[in-house]
Amino acid sequence: MTPEVVRRHYLDAMGITAWACRYQLPNARPTEACEWEETPTKTPPRERLHALLDDAPAPRTRSQPAAVEQENTSPVASPSAVKALLGHSPAAAPTPEASPVPEPRVPPAQPAKPLNFSLSCACVGGRWLSVCEGEMSPVEQQLLANMLRAAGVLRGELPTVTHFKWPPMATAFAPEEPLEEAQEGVAAFVAGAATRQGWQLEQVLWWGAEETATDLARVMALTDGQSQTLALPVWQGPSLAALTQQASAKRALWPRLVALGQQWSAE
């Protein structure tokens, strides 16, 4: 079909009379050639309405299969379309709920760094626990024995020195509370040794306690001369390494050793 014929069909459907020029006027553009269809006899509107009603499909029955019923179903007008035909304005669409604002992501906490320290200890007379940080060398052991004998605290040889290292297995676990776990580890080590050896601990002799910036100092938790970790009073002295190298440090320590011997005898 040519565009002219299509235009005529549209105009006819809208009820607009279409006029076509069949003769060429002087100096007018030639009319495009096309095949003119014969105009069908117009049917009155009443008759066309009855024809449409006669051609309407029969109502569906319940006995029809579901597939056939779905094929023969004519599109049903939506409620909004019906209201529009009746002149009612369509209802406003519900406002969509605002999407929840995502909470800012909190970066995962970095794992706490474990404490690393070691200590050497020896129990004098089953009463006083001598402690120093690190592994005690043979020279330091001999110096400690000589000082305790001179003070009247030790008779005979120095007891066996035990070495303790924390953490016991560095790659075994990642501690959540490094300080608390280290304190529990040291307390358990001392309590276990006291139970096995039958010690009745009364005091701690801490050599090198003046170096308060170490991990061992944090673990011992010294407050007012009392170790909160071991629940024992603490006597503080210079490190054994410094005493082996400085004669002046030994002379300065002697009055305190004498007082220590008196305390031992009094108890």
Protein backbone atom coordinates (compact mmCIF):
# COMPACT_ATOMS: atom_id res chain seq x y z
CA MET A 1 0.00 0.00 0.00
CA THR A 2 1.22 3.47 -0.82
CA PRO A 3 1.44 6.19 1.83
CA GLU A 4 -1.54 7.95 0.27
CA VAL A 5 -3.78 4.94 0.71
CA VAL A 6 -2.59 4.48 4.30
CA ARG A 7 -3.36 8.13 5.01
CA ARG A 8 -6.84 7.74 3.64
CA HIS A 9 -7.49 4.70 5.83
CA TYR A 10 -6.37 6.60 8.93
CA LEU A 11 -8.55 9.57 8.06
CA ASP A 12 -11.50 7.31 7.41
CA ALA A 13 -11.01 5.53 10.76
CA MET A 14 -11.04 8.88 12.52
CA GLY A 15 -14.24 9.94 10.75
CA ILE A 16 -12.60 12.62 8.64
CA THR A 17 -13.67 12.88 5.05
CA ALA A 18 -10.71 12.61 2.71
CA TRP A 19 -10.72 14.50 -0.55
CA ALA A 20 -8.42 13.50 -3.37
CA CYS A 21 -7.76 15.54 -6.46
CA ARG A 22 -8.48 13.57 -9.59
CA TYR A 23 -7.58 16.33 -12.04
CA GLN A 24 -4.33 18.23 -12.40
CA LEU A 25 -4.71 21.93 -11.96
CA PRO A 26 -2.65 24.36 -14.04
CA ASN A 27 0.94 24.72 -12.80
CA ALA A 28 0.23 22.17 -9.99
CA ARG A 29 2.52 19.34 -8.97
CA PRO A 30 1.50 16.07 -10.57
CA THR A 31 -0.40 13.75 -8.28
CA GLU A 32 1.46 10.56 -7.44
CA ALA A 33 0.15 7.59 -9.29
CA CYS A 34 -1.42 4.87 -7.14
CA GLU A 35 -4.05 2.20 -7.34
CA TRP A 36 -7.26 3.62 -5.98
CA GLU A 37 -9.29 1.15 -4.00
CA GLU A 38 -12.99 1.26 -4.36
CA THR A 39 -14.54 3.03 -1.45
CA PRO A 40 -16.77 0.52 0.35
CA THR A 41 -20.29 1.50 1.12
CA LYS A 42 -20.34 3.06 4.50
CA THR A 43 -22.36 1.20 7.08
CA PRO A 44 -24.41 3.24 9.52
CA PRO A 45 -22.88 3.36 13.03
CA ARG A 46 -25.83 1.47 14.59
CA GLU A 47 -25.41 -1.45 12.22
CA ARG A 48 -21.63 -1.54 12.73
CA LEU A 49 -22.17 -1.69 16.50
CA HIS A 50 -24.54 -4.64 16.16
CA ALA A 51 -22.06 -6.34 13.85
CA LEU A 52 -19.34 -5.98 16.44
CA LEU A 53 -21.61 -7.43 19.12
CA ASP A 54 -22.52 -10.34 16.86
CA ASP A 55 -18.85 -11.07 16.21
CA ALA A 56 -17.94 -11.04 19.95
CA PRO A 57 -16.65 -14.42 21.23
CA ALA A 58 -18.95 -16.60 23.29
CA PRO A 59 -18.50 -16.52 27.07
CA ARG A 60 -16.07 -19.04 28.52
CA THR A 61 -17.39 -22.08 30.33
CA ARG A 62 -15.85 -23.91 33.26
CA SER A 63 -15.45 -27.10 31.23
CA GLN A 64 -12.90 -25.57 28.86
CA PRO A 65 -9.29 -26.66 29.44
CA ALA A 66 -6.94 -24.22 31.10
CA ALA A 67 -4.75 -23.92 28.00
CA VAL A 68 -7.67 -23.10 25.67
CA GLU A 69 -9.11 -20.72 28.24
CA GLN A 70 -5.82 -18.86 28.41
CA GLU A 71 -5.63 -18.57 24.60
CA ASN A 72 -9.20 -17.28 24.20
CA THR A 73 -8.97 -14.82 27.06
CA SER A 74 -9.22 -11.27 25.85
CA PRO A 75 -7.17 -8.60 27.57
CA VAL A 76 -8.97 -7.18 30.57
CA ALA A 77 -8.74 -3.50 31.20
CA SER A 78 -6.87 -2.58 34.33
CA PRO A 79 -8.66 -0.66 37.12
CA SER A 80 -6.57 2.40 36.40
CA ALA A 81 -7.67 2.39 32.74
CA VAL A 82 -11.33 2.08 33.74
CA LYS A 83 -11.00 4.98 36.20
CA ALA A 84 -9.36 7.05 33.47
CA LEU A 85 -12.31 6.42 31.13
CA LEU A 86 -14.72 7.45 33.88
CA GLY A 87 -12.84 10.68 34.42
CA HIS A 88 -11.19 9.82 37.71
CA SER A 89 -7.55 10.72 38.17
CA PRO A 90 -5.34 7.72 38.83
CA ALA A 91 -4.30 7.12 42.40
CA ALA A 92 -0.84 8.22 43.27
CA ALA A 93 1.67 5.41 43.32
CA PRO A 94 2.94 4.51 46.78
CA THR A 95 6.20 6.14 47.63
CA PRO A 96 8.95 3.51 47.71
CA GLU A 97 10.55 3.05 51.06
CA ALA A 98 13.94 4.62 51.39
CA SER A 99 16.65 2.03 51.24
CA PRO A 100 18.60 1.73 54.50
CA VAL A 101 21.84 3.61 54.53
CA PRO A 102 24.65 1.06 54.72
CA GLU A 103 26.72 1.37 57.83
CA PRO A 104 30.34 2.32 57.33
CA ARG A 105 32.59 -0.68 57.22
CA VAL A 106 34.83 -0.98 60.23
CA PRO A 107 38.27 -2.23 59.30
CA PRO A 108 39.15 -5.46 61.07
CA ALA A 109 41.20 -5.04 64.18
CA GLN A 110 44.84 -5.85 63.85
CA PRO A 111 45.93 -8.89 65.89
CA ALA A 112 47.64 -7.93 69.12
CA LYS A 113 51.38 -8.39 69.25
CA PRO A 114 52.39 -11.05 71.80
CA LEU A 115 54.85 -10.27 74.59
CA ASN A 116 58.27 -11.85 74.37
CA PHE A 117 60.43 -12.28 77.46
CA SER A 118 62.27 -14.88 79.51
CA LEU A 119 63.32 -15.14 83.15
CA SER A 120 65.51 -17.24 85.40
CA CYS A 121 64.50 -18.07 88.96
CA ALA A 122 65.81 -19.96 91.96
CA CYS A 123 64.07 -20.48 95.30
CA VAL A 124 66.20 -19.82 98.42
CA GLY A 125 65.24 -21.92 101.42
CA GLY A 126 61.81 -22.60 99.96
CA ARG A 127 60.82 -19.09 101.04
CA TRP A 128 62.28 -16.41 98.77
CA LEU A 129 62.12 -16.57 94.98
CA SER A 130 65.10 -14.94 93.27
CA VAL A 131 64.15 -13.70 89.78
CA CYS A 132 66.09 -11.97 87.00
CA GLU A 133 65.22 -11.31 83.38
CA GLY A 134 66.83 -13.47 80.70
CA GLU A 135 69.00 -16.51 81.16
CA MET A 136 71.36 -16.33 84.11
CA SER A 137 74.98 -16.97 83.14
CA PRO A 138 77.32 -19.10 85.34
CA VAL A 139 79.17 -15.94 86.45
CA GLU A 140 75.94 -14.31 87.52
CA GLN A 141 74.87 -17.46 89.36
CA GLN A 142 78.15 -17.51 91.29
CA LEU A 143 77.84 -13.81 92.15
CA LEU A 144 74.28 -14.30 93.39
CA ALA A 145 75.33 -17.21 95.61
CA ASN A 146 78.24 -15.20 97.10
CA MET A 147 76.03 -12.19 97.89
CA LEU A 148 73.33 -14.29 99.55
CA ARG A 149 75.91 -16.16 101.63
CA ALA A 150 77.50 -12.88 102.73
CA ALA A 151 74.09 -11.58 103.79
CA GLY A 152 73.37 -14.78 105.75
CA VAL A 153 70.43 -15.73 103.58
CA LEU A 154 71.98 -18.75 101.87
CA ARG A 155 73.87 -21.67 103.37
CA GLY A 156 75.50 -24.00 100.94
CA GLU A 157 75.13 -24.00 97.18
CA LEU A 158 72.66 -22.00 95.15
CA PRO A 159 69.53 -24.03 94.31
CA THR A 160 68.90 -25.14 90.76
CA VAL A 161 68.11 -22.25 88.44
CA THR A 162 65.02 -22.69 86.28
CA HIS A 163 64.59 -20.87 82.98
CA PHE A 164 61.15 -19.81 81.75
CA LYS A 165 60.35 -18.37 78.29
CA TRP A 166 57.19 -16.70 77.04
CA PRO A 167 55.44 -17.51 74.83
CA PRO A 168 56.30 -21.20 75.20
CA MET A 169 55.44 -21.83 71.53
CA ALA A 170 55.56 -18.63 69.49
CA THR A 171 53.69 -20.03 66.47
CA ALA A 172 51.10 -22.03 68.39
CA PHE A 173 48.45 -19.32 68.85
CA ALA A 174 47.70 -15.64 68.39
CA PRO A 175 46.82 -14.14 71.81
CA GLU A 176 43.79 -11.87 72.10
CA GLU A 177 44.99 -10.25 75.35
CA PRO A 178 48.81 -10.58 75.33
CA LEU A 179 49.44 -8.96 78.72
CA GLU A 180 46.71 -10.83 80.56
CA GLU A 181 47.70 -14.17 79.05
CA ALA A 182 51.39 -13.59 79.86
CA GLN A 183 50.55 -12.77 83.47
CA GLU A 184 48.48 -15.94 83.76
CA GLY A 185 51.34 -17.92 82.23
CA VAL A 186 53.93 -16.62 84.71
CA ALA A 187 51.58 -17.12 87.68
CA ALA A 188 50.85 -20.67 86.57
CA PHE A 189 54.56 -21.44 86.13
CA VAL A 190 55.47 -20.20 89.63
CA ALA A 191 52.46 -21.88 91.23
CA GLY A 192 53.25 -25.17 89.52
CA ALA A 193 56.89 -25.10 90.61
CA ALA A 194 55.89 -24.26 94.18
CA THR A 195 53.46 -27.18 94.27
CA ARG A 196 56.01 -29.67 92.94
CA GLN A 197 58.89 -28.49 95.15
CA GLY A 198 56.85 -27.77 98.25
CA TRP A 199 57.78 -24.08 98.41
CA GLN A 200 56.10 -21.68 100.82
CA LEU A 201 56.84 -18.41 99.03
CA GLU A 202 56.99 -15.26 101.14
CA GLN A 203 58.86 -12.77 98.97
CA VAL A 204 60.40 -12.16 95.55
CA LEU A 205 63.98 -10.91 95.04
CA TRP A 206 63.83 -9.18 91.67
CA TRP A 207 67.24 -8.38 90.23
CA GLY A 208 67.06 -5.72 87.56
CA ALA A 209 63.65 -4.38 88.52
CA GLU A 210 64.86 -0.84 87.82
CA GLU A 211 64.56 -1.54 84.10
CA THR A 212 60.83 -0.85 84.03
CA ALA A 213 60.50 -0.56 80.24
CA THR A 214 60.73 -4.31 79.63
CA ASP A 215 57.91 -6.75 78.95
CA LEU A 216 58.72 -8.59 82.18
CA ALA A 217 58.12 -5.39 84.16
CA ARG A 218 54.65 -5.10 82.65
CA VAL A 219 53.92 -8.72 83.43
CA MET A 220 55.06 -8.48 87.05
CA ALA A 221 52.69 -5.49 87.54
CA LEU A 222 54.64 -3.97 90.43
CA THR A 223 52.56 -1.59 92.57
CA ASP A 224 53.70 -0.27 95.98
CA GLY A 225 56.30 -3.01 96.38
CA GLN A 226 53.77 -5.75 95.56
CA SER A 227 53.58 -7.91 92.43
CA GLN A 228 49.93 -8.07 91.38
CA THR A 229 50.68 -11.07 89.18
CA LEU A 230 52.33 -13.24 91.86
CA ALA A 231 50.52 -11.66 94.83
CA LEU A 232 53.85 -11.41 96.73
CA PRO A 233 55.95 -8.54 98.11
CA VAL A 234 58.97 -7.67 95.95
CA TRP A 235 62.49 -6.62 96.98
CA GLN A 236 64.18 -4.76 94.10
CA GLY A 237 67.90 -4.84 93.36
CA PRO A 238 70.18 -3.89 90.48
CA SER A 239 70.71 -6.32 87.61
CA LEU A 240 73.26 -9.09 88.10
CA ALA A 241 74.96 -8.10 84.83
CA ALA A 242 75.64 -4.60 86.18
CA LEU A 243 76.96 -5.99 89.49
CA THR A 244 79.45 -8.23 87.70
CA GLN A 245 80.95 -5.22 85.91
CA GLN A 246 80.84 -2.43 88.51
CA ALA A 247 82.51 -2.71 91.91
CA SER A 248 80.86 0.54 92.99
CA ALA A 249 77.44 -1.01 92.48
CA LYS A 250 78.42 -3.87 94.82
CA ARG A 251 79.57 -1.49 97.54
CA ALA A 252 76.34 0.54 97.21
CA LEU A 253 74.31 -2.64 97.51
CA TRP A 254 76.01 -3.98 100.65
CA PRO A 255 73.89 -2.07 103.25
CA ARG A 256 70.75 -3.37 101.61
CA LEU A 257 72.10 -6.93 101.67
CA VAL A 258 72.76 -6.64 105.41
CA ALA A 259 69.15 -5.48 105.95
CA LEU A 260 68.00 -8.35 103.80
CA GLY A 261 69.88 -10.83 105.99
CA GLN A 262 68.32 -9.38 109.10
CA GLN A 263 64.88 -9.74 107.60
CA TRP A 264 65.63 -13.36 106.77
CA SER A 265 66.71 -14.12 110.31
CA ALA A 266 63.73 -12.31 111.83
CA GLU A 267 61.25 -14.30 109.81
